[in-house]
Amino acid sequence: MTTAVSDSPATTATTNPNLPLRQRPMDIVFLVVFSLFIVSCVISDSVEGLGLDQVPNSPNILVRWNYTYSSNFDPLYQSHPLWLRFISGTSAFGYIAFYIVLIIAIVRRWNWIQLPSVIYATMIISLTGIPIFGVEFFGPEGQRTPHPLIFLLYNGPYVLFPLLLLIRMRKPLPFTRKW
């Protein structure tokens, strides 16, 4: 009796070994970007997630930084509706943990990160990108951004890089290939 060679992950992993990081240039970009996302979660999303009023004379430097941004470019963020607090809180206290695990997984070539990456990217695009960008561009007058280009430059990467991660993780065993 002969046995067929399966396409199981174990078999594929032995025939297609994981590539070293230097052979996966986009993963290096992901390391840099998601490391920056950790910093922005602390600086920006935690302020909104905790519901701190963004005022210019706050003793909290993070609040003052957020005020400078929101008062000039993002009235929705400054008005902090409850639904936005939930989205920002999820980012500050949930996605940040994923970013840390993702960074370690990319460096250590843990292929199991594929499914969590797909779940994260889908969540961030659908639960963050669509509602926030929708209000910023099509919402009520007082919540729309007065500077769409600056808004996109600041916020676009938070949708673009999860989308690129989703494309990167579209197939099993992502670290066995360059892209």
N, C-alpha and C. Protein backbone atom coordinates (compact mmCIF):
# COMPACT_ATOMS: atom_id res chain seq x y z
N MET A 1 0.84 -1.17 0.00
CA MET A 1 0.00 0.00 0.00
C MET A 1 0.89 1.24 0.00
N THR A 2 0.64 2.14 -0.91
CA THR A 2 1.42 3.38 -0.97
C THR A 2 0.64 4.51 -0.31
N THR A 3 1.39 5.42 0.23
CA THR A 3 0.75 6.58 0.84
C THR A 3 1.06 7.81 0.01
N ALA A 4 0.08 8.62 -0.15
CA ALA A 4 0.26 9.85 -0.93
C ALA A 4 0.95 10.89 -0.07
N VAL A 5 1.77 11.66 -0.71
CA VAL A 5 2.41 12.76 0.00
C VAL A 5 1.38 13.87 0.16
N SER A 6 1.17 14.26 1.39
CA SER A 6 0.15 15.28 1.63
C SER A 6 0.75 16.67 1.56
N ASP A 7 -0.12 17.62 1.47
CA ASP A 7 0.27 19.02 1.44
C ASP A 7 0.08 19.63 2.82
N SER A 8 0.19 18.81 3.85
CA SER A 8 -0.02 19.29 5.21
C SER A 8 1.07 20.30 5.57
N PRO A 9 0.78 21.17 6.54
CA PRO A 9 1.78 22.14 6.95
C PRO A 9 3.10 21.52 7.38
N ALA A 10 3.04 20.36 8.04
CA ALA A 10 4.27 19.72 8.49
C ALA A 10 5.12 19.29 7.31
N THR A 11 4.48 18.71 6.28
CA THR A 11 5.20 18.29 5.09
C THR A 11 5.74 19.49 4.34
N THR A 12 4.90 20.50 4.17
CA THR A 12 5.31 21.69 3.44
C THR A 12 6.44 22.41 4.16
N ALA A 13 6.38 22.44 5.48
CA ALA A 13 7.40 23.13 6.26
C ALA A 13 8.76 22.47 6.07
N THR A 14 8.77 21.14 5.91
CA THR A 14 10.06 20.48 5.74
C THR A 14 10.58 20.67 4.32
N THR A 15 9.70 20.79 3.34
CA THR A 15 10.15 20.99 1.97
C THR A 15 10.37 22.46 1.65
N ASN A 16 9.71 23.35 2.38
CA ASN A 16 9.86 24.79 2.19
C ASN A 16 10.26 25.43 3.51
N PRO A 17 11.53 25.41 3.82
CA PRO A 17 11.93 25.97 5.12
C PRO A 17 11.68 27.47 5.17
N ASN A 18 11.47 27.95 6.38
CA ASN A 18 11.27 29.38 6.57
C ASN A 18 12.50 30.14 6.10
N LEU A 19 12.24 31.27 5.47
CA LEU A 19 13.33 32.12 4.99
C LEU A 19 13.84 33.00 6.12
N PRO A 20 15.12 33.31 6.12
CA PRO A 20 15.62 34.25 7.12
C PRO A 20 15.04 35.64 6.86
N LEU A 21 15.03 36.46 7.89
CA LEU A 21 14.43 37.78 7.82
C LEU A 21 15.04 38.62 6.70
N ARG A 22 16.32 38.54 6.48
CA ARG A 22 16.97 39.36 5.45
C ARG A 22 16.46 39.03 4.05
N GLN A 23 15.85 37.85 3.87
CA GLN A 23 15.28 37.48 2.57
C GLN A 23 13.80 37.83 2.47
N ARG A 24 13.27 38.46 3.51
CA ARG A 24 11.86 38.86 3.54
C ARG A 24 11.77 40.37 3.80
N PRO A 25 12.11 41.19 2.80
CA PRO A 25 12.20 42.64 3.02
C PRO A 25 10.90 43.29 3.50
N MET A 26 9.78 42.80 3.04
CA MET A 26 8.52 43.40 3.48
C MET A 26 8.29 43.13 4.97
N ASP A 27 8.77 42.00 5.45
CA ASP A 27 8.64 41.73 6.88
C ASP A 27 9.48 42.70 7.71
N ILE A 28 10.59 43.15 7.16
CA ILE A 28 11.39 44.17 7.85
C ILE A 28 10.61 45.47 7.93
N VAL A 29 9.92 45.81 6.85
CA VAL A 29 9.05 47.00 6.85
C VAL A 29 7.96 46.83 7.91
N PHE A 30 7.36 45.65 7.98
CA PHE A 30 6.33 45.40 9.00
C PHE A 30 6.90 45.57 10.41
N LEU A 31 8.11 45.11 10.63
CA LEU A 31 8.73 45.26 11.96
C LEU A 31 8.81 46.74 12.35
N VAL A 32 9.25 47.56 11.42
CA VAL A 32 9.39 49.00 11.70
C VAL A 32 8.02 49.63 11.92
N VAL A 33 7.08 49.38 11.01
CA VAL A 33 5.76 50.02 11.08
C VAL A 33 5.00 49.58 12.33
N PHE A 34 4.96 48.30 12.62
CA PHE A 34 4.19 47.86 13.78
C PHE A 34 4.87 48.24 15.10
N SER A 35 6.19 48.43 15.07
CA SER A 35 6.85 49.00 16.25
C SER A 35 6.41 50.45 16.47
N LEU A 36 6.29 51.20 15.38
CA LEU A 36 5.79 52.57 15.48
C LEU A 36 4.32 52.59 15.92
N PHE A 37 3.56 51.60 15.49
CA PHE A 37 2.16 51.51 15.93
C PHE A 37 2.07 51.33 17.45
N ILE A 38 3.01 50.61 18.02
CA ILE A 38 3.02 50.45 19.48
C ILE A 38 3.17 51.82 20.15
N VAL A 39 4.10 52.61 19.64
CA VAL A 39 4.33 53.95 20.19
C VAL A 39 3.08 54.81 20.03
N SER A 40 2.46 54.76 18.85
CA SER A 40 1.28 55.60 18.62
C SER A 40 0.08 55.15 19.47
N CYS A 41 0.01 53.85 19.75
CA CYS A 41 -1.06 53.37 20.65
C CYS A 41 -0.93 54.00 22.02
N VAL A 42 0.31 54.09 22.50
CA VAL A 42 0.54 54.69 23.81
C VAL A 42 0.28 56.20 23.77
N ILE A 43 0.79 56.86 22.75
CA ILE A 43 0.68 58.32 22.67
C ILE A 43 -0.75 58.76 22.38
N SER A 44 -1.41 58.11 21.46
CA SER A 44 -2.68 58.61 20.96
C SER A 44 -3.89 57.81 21.42
N ASP A 45 -3.89 56.52 21.14
CA ASP A 45 -5.08 55.72 21.41
C ASP A 45 -5.39 55.58 22.89
N SER A 46 -4.36 55.57 23.72
CA SER A 46 -4.63 55.45 25.15
C SER A 46 -5.35 56.68 25.69
N VAL A 47 -5.00 57.85 25.19
CA VAL A 47 -5.66 59.09 25.63
C VAL A 47 -7.14 59.05 25.28
N GLU A 48 -7.43 58.67 24.05
CA GLU A 48 -8.83 58.59 23.61
C GLU A 48 -9.55 57.44 24.29
N GLY A 49 -8.89 56.30 24.39
CA GLY A 49 -9.51 55.13 25.02
C GLY A 49 -9.88 55.35 26.47
N LEU A 50 -9.07 56.14 27.16
CA LEU A 50 -9.36 56.44 28.56
C LEU A 50 -10.34 57.60 28.72
N GLY A 51 -10.70 58.24 27.59
CA GLY A 51 -11.67 59.33 27.63
C GLY A 51 -11.14 60.61 28.24
N LEU A 52 -9.83 60.83 28.16
CA LEU A 52 -9.24 62.04 28.71
C LEU A 52 -9.59 63.23 27.82
N ASP A 53 -10.05 64.30 28.42
CA ASP A 53 -10.38 65.50 27.65
C ASP A 53 -9.11 66.09 27.06
N GLN A 54 -9.16 66.36 25.78
CA GLN A 54 -8.01 66.92 25.09
C GLN A 54 -8.06 68.44 25.22
N VAL A 55 -7.27 68.95 26.13
CA VAL A 55 -7.24 70.38 26.41
C VAL A 55 -5.80 70.87 26.34
N PRO A 56 -5.60 72.12 25.97
CA PRO A 56 -4.23 72.62 25.77
C PRO A 56 -3.42 72.77 27.05
N ASN A 57 -4.07 72.90 28.19
CA ASN A 57 -3.34 73.16 29.42
C ASN A 57 -3.30 71.96 30.36
N SER A 58 -3.46 70.77 29.84
CA SER A 58 -3.42 69.56 30.66
C SER A 58 -2.00 69.34 31.21
N PRO A 59 -1.89 68.82 32.43
CA PRO A 59 -0.56 68.47 32.94
C PRO A 59 0.01 67.23 32.23
N ASN A 60 -0.83 66.48 31.54
CA ASN A 60 -0.42 65.26 30.84
C ASN A 60 0.08 65.64 29.44
N ILE A 61 1.35 65.39 29.17
CA ILE A 61 1.92 65.77 27.87
C ILE A 61 1.26 65.03 26.71
N LEU A 62 0.83 63.78 26.93
CA LEU A 62 0.16 63.04 25.86
C LEU A 62 -1.16 63.70 25.49
N VAL A 63 -1.87 64.19 26.48
CA VAL A 63 -3.14 64.90 26.23
C VAL A 63 -2.86 66.16 25.42
N ARG A 64 -1.82 66.89 25.79
CA ARG A 64 -1.49 68.13 25.05
C ARG A 64 -1.11 67.82 23.61
N TRP A 65 -0.32 66.77 23.39
CA TRP A 65 0.03 66.39 22.02
C TRP A 65 -1.21 66.03 21.21
N ASN A 66 -2.10 65.26 21.82
CA ASN A 66 -3.33 64.89 21.13
C ASN A 66 -4.20 66.12 20.86
N TYR A 67 -4.23 67.05 21.79
CA TYR A 67 -4.99 68.28 21.57
C TYR A 67 -4.45 69.04 20.37
N THR A 68 -3.14 69.16 20.27
CA THR A 68 -2.53 69.88 19.15
C THR A 68 -2.96 69.26 17.82
N TYR A 69 -2.91 67.95 17.74
CA TYR A 69 -3.34 67.27 16.51
C TYR A 69 -4.84 67.44 16.27
N SER A 70 -5.64 67.08 17.25
CA SER A 70 -7.09 67.05 17.04
C SER A 70 -7.70 68.43 16.84
N SER A 71 -7.20 69.43 17.53
CA SER A 71 -7.77 70.77 17.38
C SER A 71 -7.48 71.36 16.01
N ASN A 72 -6.44 70.89 15.36
CA ASN A 72 -6.10 71.40 14.03
C ASN A 72 -6.61 70.54 12.88
N PHE A 73 -6.65 69.22 13.09
CA PHE A 73 -6.90 68.33 11.95
C PHE A 73 -8.02 67.32 12.13
N ASP A 74 -8.47 67.08 13.35
CA ASP A 74 -9.36 65.95 13.58
C ASP A 74 -10.43 66.25 14.64
N PRO A 75 -11.47 67.01 14.26
CA PRO A 75 -12.50 67.35 15.24
C PRO A 75 -13.26 66.14 15.79
N LEU A 76 -13.37 65.07 15.02
CA LEU A 76 -14.02 63.85 15.52
C LEU A 76 -13.24 63.31 16.71
N TYR A 77 -11.94 63.24 16.58
CA TYR A 77 -11.08 62.72 17.65
C TYR A 77 -11.18 63.61 18.89
N GLN A 78 -11.27 64.91 18.68
CA GLN A 78 -11.36 65.81 19.82
C GLN A 78 -12.70 65.72 20.53
N SER A 79 -13.75 65.42 19.80
CA SER A 79 -15.08 65.33 20.42
C SER A 79 -15.30 64.02 21.17
N HIS A 80 -14.43 63.09 21.00
CA HIS A 80 -14.40 61.73 21.53
C HIS A 80 -15.77 61.13 21.87
N PRO A 81 -16.55 60.78 20.81
CA PRO A 81 -17.80 60.05 21.07
C PRO A 81 -17.50 58.68 21.67
N LEU A 82 -18.48 58.12 22.33
CA LEU A 82 -18.28 56.85 23.03
C LEU A 82 -17.81 55.74 22.09
N TRP A 83 -18.39 55.65 20.90
CA TRP A 83 -17.99 54.59 19.98
C TRP A 83 -16.51 54.72 19.60
N LEU A 84 -16.01 55.94 19.47
CA LEU A 84 -14.60 56.14 19.14
C LEU A 84 -13.70 55.78 20.32
N ARG A 85 -14.19 56.02 21.53
CA ARG A 85 -13.43 55.61 22.71
C ARG A 85 -13.27 54.09 22.74
N PHE A 86 -14.31 53.35 22.35
CA PHE A 86 -14.20 51.89 22.31
C PHE A 86 -13.18 51.46 21.26
N ILE A 87 -13.23 52.07 20.09
CA ILE A 87 -12.28 51.72 19.03
C ILE A 87 -10.86 52.03 19.46
N SER A 88 -10.64 53.21 20.02
CA SER A 88 -9.30 53.61 20.46
C SER A 88 -8.84 52.77 21.65
N GLY A 89 -9.74 52.45 22.55
CA GLY A 89 -9.39 51.60 23.67
C GLY A 89 -8.99 50.21 23.23
N THR A 90 -9.69 49.68 22.23
CA THR A 90 -9.33 48.37 21.67
C THR A 90 -7.93 48.41 21.09
N SER A 91 -7.62 49.51 20.43
CA SER A 91 -6.29 49.66 19.86
C SER A 91 -5.23 49.78 20.95
N ALA A 92 -5.49 50.66 21.91
CA ALA A 92 -4.49 50.93 22.95
C ALA A 92 -4.25 49.74 23.87
N PHE A 93 -5.30 48.97 24.14
CA PHE A 93 -5.16 47.93 25.15
C PHE A 93 -5.35 46.52 24.59
N GLY A 94 -5.65 46.39 23.32
CA GLY A 94 -5.81 45.08 22.70
C GLY A 94 -4.84 44.87 21.55
N TYR A 95 -4.94 45.75 20.54
CA TYR A 95 -4.07 45.60 19.37
C TYR A 95 -2.60 45.72 19.74
N ILE A 96 -2.29 46.51 20.75
CA ILE A 96 -0.88 46.69 21.14
C ILE A 96 -0.27 45.34 21.53
N ALA A 97 -1.02 44.49 22.19
CA ALA A 97 -0.52 43.16 22.54
C ALA A 97 -0.27 42.34 21.27
N PHE A 98 -1.18 42.46 20.30
CA PHE A 98 -0.98 41.76 19.03
C PHE A 98 0.29 42.25 18.34
N TYR A 99 0.53 43.57 18.34
CA TYR A 99 1.72 44.11 17.68
C TYR A 99 3.00 43.51 18.27
N ILE A 100 3.02 43.37 19.58
CA ILE A 100 4.20 42.80 20.24
C ILE A 100 4.40 41.35 19.80
N VAL A 101 3.32 40.57 19.82
CA VAL A 101 3.40 39.17 19.41
C VAL A 101 3.76 39.07 17.93
N LEU A 102 3.18 39.93 17.09
CA LEU A 102 3.48 39.91 15.65
C LEU A 102 4.96 40.17 15.40
N ILE A 103 5.51 41.15 16.07
CA ILE A 103 6.93 41.48 15.90
C ILE A 103 7.80 40.27 16.26
N ILE A 104 7.50 39.65 17.38
CA ILE A 104 8.26 38.46 17.79
C ILE A 104 8.07 37.34 16.77
N ALA A 105 6.84 37.15 16.30
CA ALA A 105 6.55 36.08 15.33
C ALA A 105 7.28 36.29 14.01
N ILE A 106 7.36 37.54 13.58
CA ILE A 106 8.08 37.82 12.32
C ILE A 106 9.57 37.49 12.49
N VAL A 107 10.14 37.91 13.58
CA VAL A 107 11.57 37.66 13.82
C VAL A 107 11.84 36.16 13.98
N ARG A 108 10.98 35.48 14.72
CA ARG A 108 11.21 34.05 15.01
C ARG A 108 10.61 33.12 13.94
N ARG A 109 9.92 33.71 12.97
CA ARG A 109 9.32 32.95 11.87
C ARG A 109 8.27 31.96 12.35
N TRP A 110 7.40 32.45 13.21
CA TRP A 110 6.30 31.62 13.71
C TRP A 110 5.13 31.70 12.72
N ASN A 111 4.97 30.68 11.91
CA ASN A 111 3.93 30.67 10.89
C ASN A 111 2.51 30.69 11.46
N TRP A 112 2.33 30.28 12.69
CA TRP A 112 0.99 30.26 13.29
C TRP A 112 0.40 31.66 13.41
N ILE A 113 1.20 32.70 13.24
CA ILE A 113 0.70 34.07 13.34
C ILE A 113 -0.19 34.43 12.14
N GLN A 114 -0.22 33.57 11.14
CA GLN A 114 -1.01 33.87 9.94
C GLN A 114 -2.49 34.11 10.27
N LEU A 115 -3.14 33.20 10.97
CA LEU A 115 -4.56 33.36 11.26
C LEU A 115 -4.83 34.57 12.17
N PRO A 116 -4.09 34.76 13.28
CA PRO A 116 -4.31 35.97 14.07
C PRO A 116 -4.09 37.26 13.26
N SER A 117 -3.15 37.23 12.31
CA SER A 117 -2.90 38.40 11.46
C SER A 117 -4.09 38.70 10.56
N VAL A 118 -4.67 37.66 10.00
CA VAL A 118 -5.85 37.83 9.15
C VAL A 118 -7.01 38.38 9.97
N ILE A 119 -7.20 37.85 11.16
CA ILE A 119 -8.28 38.33 12.04
C ILE A 119 -8.04 39.79 12.41
N TYR A 120 -6.83 40.12 12.83
CA TYR A 120 -6.50 41.51 13.19
C TYR A 120 -6.73 42.45 12.01
N ALA A 121 -6.18 42.11 10.85
CA ALA A 121 -6.28 43.01 9.69
C ALA A 121 -7.73 43.22 9.29
N THR A 122 -8.51 42.17 9.31
CA THR A 122 -9.93 42.29 8.98
C THR A 122 -10.64 43.19 9.99
N MET A 123 -10.33 43.02 11.26
CA MET A 123 -10.95 43.85 12.30
C MET A 123 -10.56 45.32 12.14
N ILE A 124 -9.29 45.58 11.95
CA ILE A 124 -8.84 46.96 11.90
C ILE A 124 -9.41 47.68 10.68
N ILE A 125 -9.50 46.99 9.57
CA ILE A 125 -10.04 47.61 8.36
C ILE A 125 -11.54 47.85 8.50
N SER A 126 -12.25 46.83 8.96
CA SER A 126 -13.71 46.95 9.01
C SER A 126 -14.22 47.69 10.23
N LEU A 127 -13.61 47.49 11.39
CA LEU A 127 -14.12 48.10 12.61
C LEU A 127 -13.46 49.42 12.96
N THR A 128 -12.37 49.73 12.32
CA THR A 128 -11.70 51.00 12.59
C THR A 128 -11.69 51.87 11.35
N GLY A 129 -11.13 51.36 10.28
CA GLY A 129 -10.98 52.16 9.07
C GLY A 129 -12.28 52.67 8.50
N ILE A 130 -13.24 51.80 8.32
CA ILE A 130 -14.49 52.20 7.67
C ILE A 130 -15.26 53.23 8.50
N PRO A 131 -15.53 52.99 9.80
CA PRO A 131 -16.31 54.01 10.53
C PRO A 131 -15.57 55.33 10.71
N ILE A 132 -14.29 55.28 11.04
CA ILE A 132 -13.57 56.53 11.28
C ILE A 132 -13.38 57.31 9.98
N PHE A 133 -12.93 56.65 8.94
CA PHE A 133 -12.74 57.34 7.67
C PHE A 133 -14.08 57.81 7.12
N GLY A 134 -15.12 57.01 7.33
CA GLY A 134 -16.45 57.41 6.88
C GLY A 134 -16.91 58.71 7.51
N VAL A 135 -16.75 58.83 8.82
CA VAL A 135 -17.16 60.06 9.51
C VAL A 135 -16.23 61.21 9.14
N GLU A 136 -14.94 60.94 9.07
CA GLU A 136 -13.98 62.01 8.77
C GLU A 136 -14.20 62.63 7.38
N PHE A 137 -14.69 61.84 6.44
CA PHE A 137 -14.88 62.36 5.08
C PHE A 137 -16.33 62.63 4.71
N PHE A 138 -17.28 61.92 5.34
CA PHE A 138 -18.68 62.05 4.93
C PHE A 138 -19.62 62.35 6.09
N GLY A 139 -19.10 62.51 7.28
CA GLY A 139 -19.92 62.70 8.46
C GLY A 139 -20.43 64.12 8.61
N PRO A 140 -21.03 64.40 9.76
CA PRO A 140 -21.57 65.73 10.01
C PRO A 140 -20.47 66.80 9.95
N GLU A 141 -20.86 67.99 9.64
CA GLU A 141 -19.93 69.11 9.47
C GLU A 141 -18.94 69.25 10.62
N GLY A 142 -19.37 69.17 11.85
CA GLY A 142 -18.49 69.38 12.99
C GLY A 142 -17.53 68.24 13.27
N GLN A 143 -17.69 67.10 12.60
CA GLN A 143 -16.82 65.95 12.83
C GLN A 143 -15.93 65.62 11.64
N ARG A 144 -16.18 66.24 10.51
CA ARG A 144 -15.36 66.01 9.32
C ARG A 144 -14.02 66.71 9.45
N THR A 145 -12.99 66.11 8.93
CA THR A 145 -11.67 66.72 8.97
C THR A 145 -11.62 67.94 8.05
N PRO A 146 -11.06 69.04 8.52
CA PRO A 146 -10.90 70.20 7.64
C PRO A 146 -9.69 70.06 6.72
N HIS A 147 -8.84 69.08 6.99
CA HIS A 147 -7.62 68.87 6.21
C HIS A 147 -7.48 67.41 5.82
N PRO A 148 -8.22 66.97 4.79
CA PRO A 148 -8.23 65.55 4.42
C PRO A 148 -6.84 64.96 4.11
N LEU A 149 -5.98 65.73 3.45
CA LEU A 149 -4.67 65.21 3.10
C LEU A 149 -3.83 64.93 4.36
N ILE A 150 -3.82 65.84 5.31
CA ILE A 150 -3.07 65.64 6.54
C ILE A 150 -3.67 64.47 7.33
N PHE A 151 -5.00 64.41 7.36
CA PHE A 151 -5.66 63.28 8.03
C PHE A 151 -5.20 61.96 7.41
N LEU A 152 -5.19 61.89 6.07
CA LEU A 152 -4.77 60.66 5.39
C LEU A 152 -3.30 60.34 5.64
N LEU A 153 -2.45 61.35 5.65
CA LEU A 153 -1.03 61.10 5.91
C LEU A 153 -0.82 60.54 7.31
N TYR A 154 -1.58 61.04 8.26
CA TYR A 154 -1.43 60.58 9.64
C TYR A 154 -2.13 59.24 9.87
N ASN A 155 -3.33 59.07 9.35
CA ASN A 155 -4.15 57.89 9.65
C ASN A 155 -4.14 56.81 8.57
N GLY A 156 -3.76 57.14 7.36
CA GLY A 156 -3.75 56.17 6.28
C GLY A 156 -2.94 54.91 6.55
N PRO A 157 -1.75 55.05 7.15
CA PRO A 157 -0.95 53.85 7.43
C PRO A 157 -1.65 52.83 8.33
N TYR A 158 -2.58 53.29 9.17
CA TYR A 158 -3.27 52.38 10.10
C TYR A 158 -4.28 51.48 9.38
N VAL A 159 -4.60 51.81 8.14
CA VAL A 159 -5.43 50.94 7.32
C VAL A 159 -4.58 50.28 6.24
N LEU A 160 -3.64 51.04 5.67
CA LEU A 160 -2.81 50.52 4.59
C LEU A 160 -1.95 49.32 5.04
N PHE A 161 -1.26 49.45 6.17
CA PHE A 161 -0.37 48.36 6.58
C PHE A 161 -1.11 47.12 7.07
N PRO A 162 -2.25 47.25 7.75
CA PRO A 162 -3.02 46.03 8.00
C PRO A 162 -3.50 45.37 6.71
N LEU A 163 -3.86 46.18 5.70
CA LEU A 163 -4.25 45.61 4.40
C LEU A 163 -3.07 44.87 3.77
N LEU A 164 -1.89 45.47 3.82
CA LEU A 164 -0.70 44.79 3.29
C LEU A 164 -0.39 43.52 4.09
N LEU A 165 -0.58 43.58 5.41
CA LEU A 165 -0.37 42.39 6.24
C LEU A 165 -1.36 41.29 5.86
N LEU A 166 -2.60 41.68 5.60
CA LEU A 166 -3.62 40.71 5.17
C LEU A 166 -3.20 40.05 3.86
N ILE A 167 -2.68 40.83 2.93
CA ILE A 167 -2.21 40.27 1.66
C ILE A 167 -1.01 39.35 1.91
N ARG A 168 -0.11 39.79 2.78
CA ARG A 168 1.08 38.98 3.10
C ARG A 168 0.71 37.65 3.72
N MET A 169 -0.31 37.65 4.55
CA MET A 169 -0.69 36.45 5.29
C MET A 169 -1.81 35.67 4.60
N ARG A 170 -2.03 35.90 3.33
CA ARG A 170 -3.15 35.29 2.61
C ARG A 170 -3.04 33.77 2.46
N LYS A 171 -1.84 33.25 2.54
CA LYS A 171 -1.62 31.80 2.38
C LYS A 171 -0.92 31.26 3.62
N PRO A 172 -1.11 29.97 3.89
CA PRO A 172 -0.42 29.35 5.03
C PRO A 172 1.11 29.43 4.87
N LEU A 173 1.77 29.28 5.97
CA LEU A 173 3.24 29.27 6.03
C LEU A 173 3.86 30.52 5.39
N PRO A 174 3.50 31.69 5.89
CA PRO A 174 3.93 32.93 5.25
C PRO A 174 5.44 33.13 5.26
N PHE A 175 6.15 32.55 6.19
CA PHE A 175 7.59 32.81 6.27
C PHE A 175 8.42 31.87 5.41
N THR A 176 7.73 31.04 4.62
CA THR A 176 8.44 30.19 3.66
C THR A 176 8.57 30.87 2.31
N ARG A 177 8.03 32.10 2.21
CA ARG A 177 8.08 32.84 0.94
C ARG A 177 8.40 34.31 1.21
N LYS A 178 8.88 35.00 0.19
CA LYS A 178 9.24 36.40 0.34
C LYS A 178 8.00 37.28 0.49
N TRP A 179 6.95 36.97 -0.21
CA TRP A 179 5.73 37.78 -0.16
C TRP A 179 4.57 36.88 -0.22
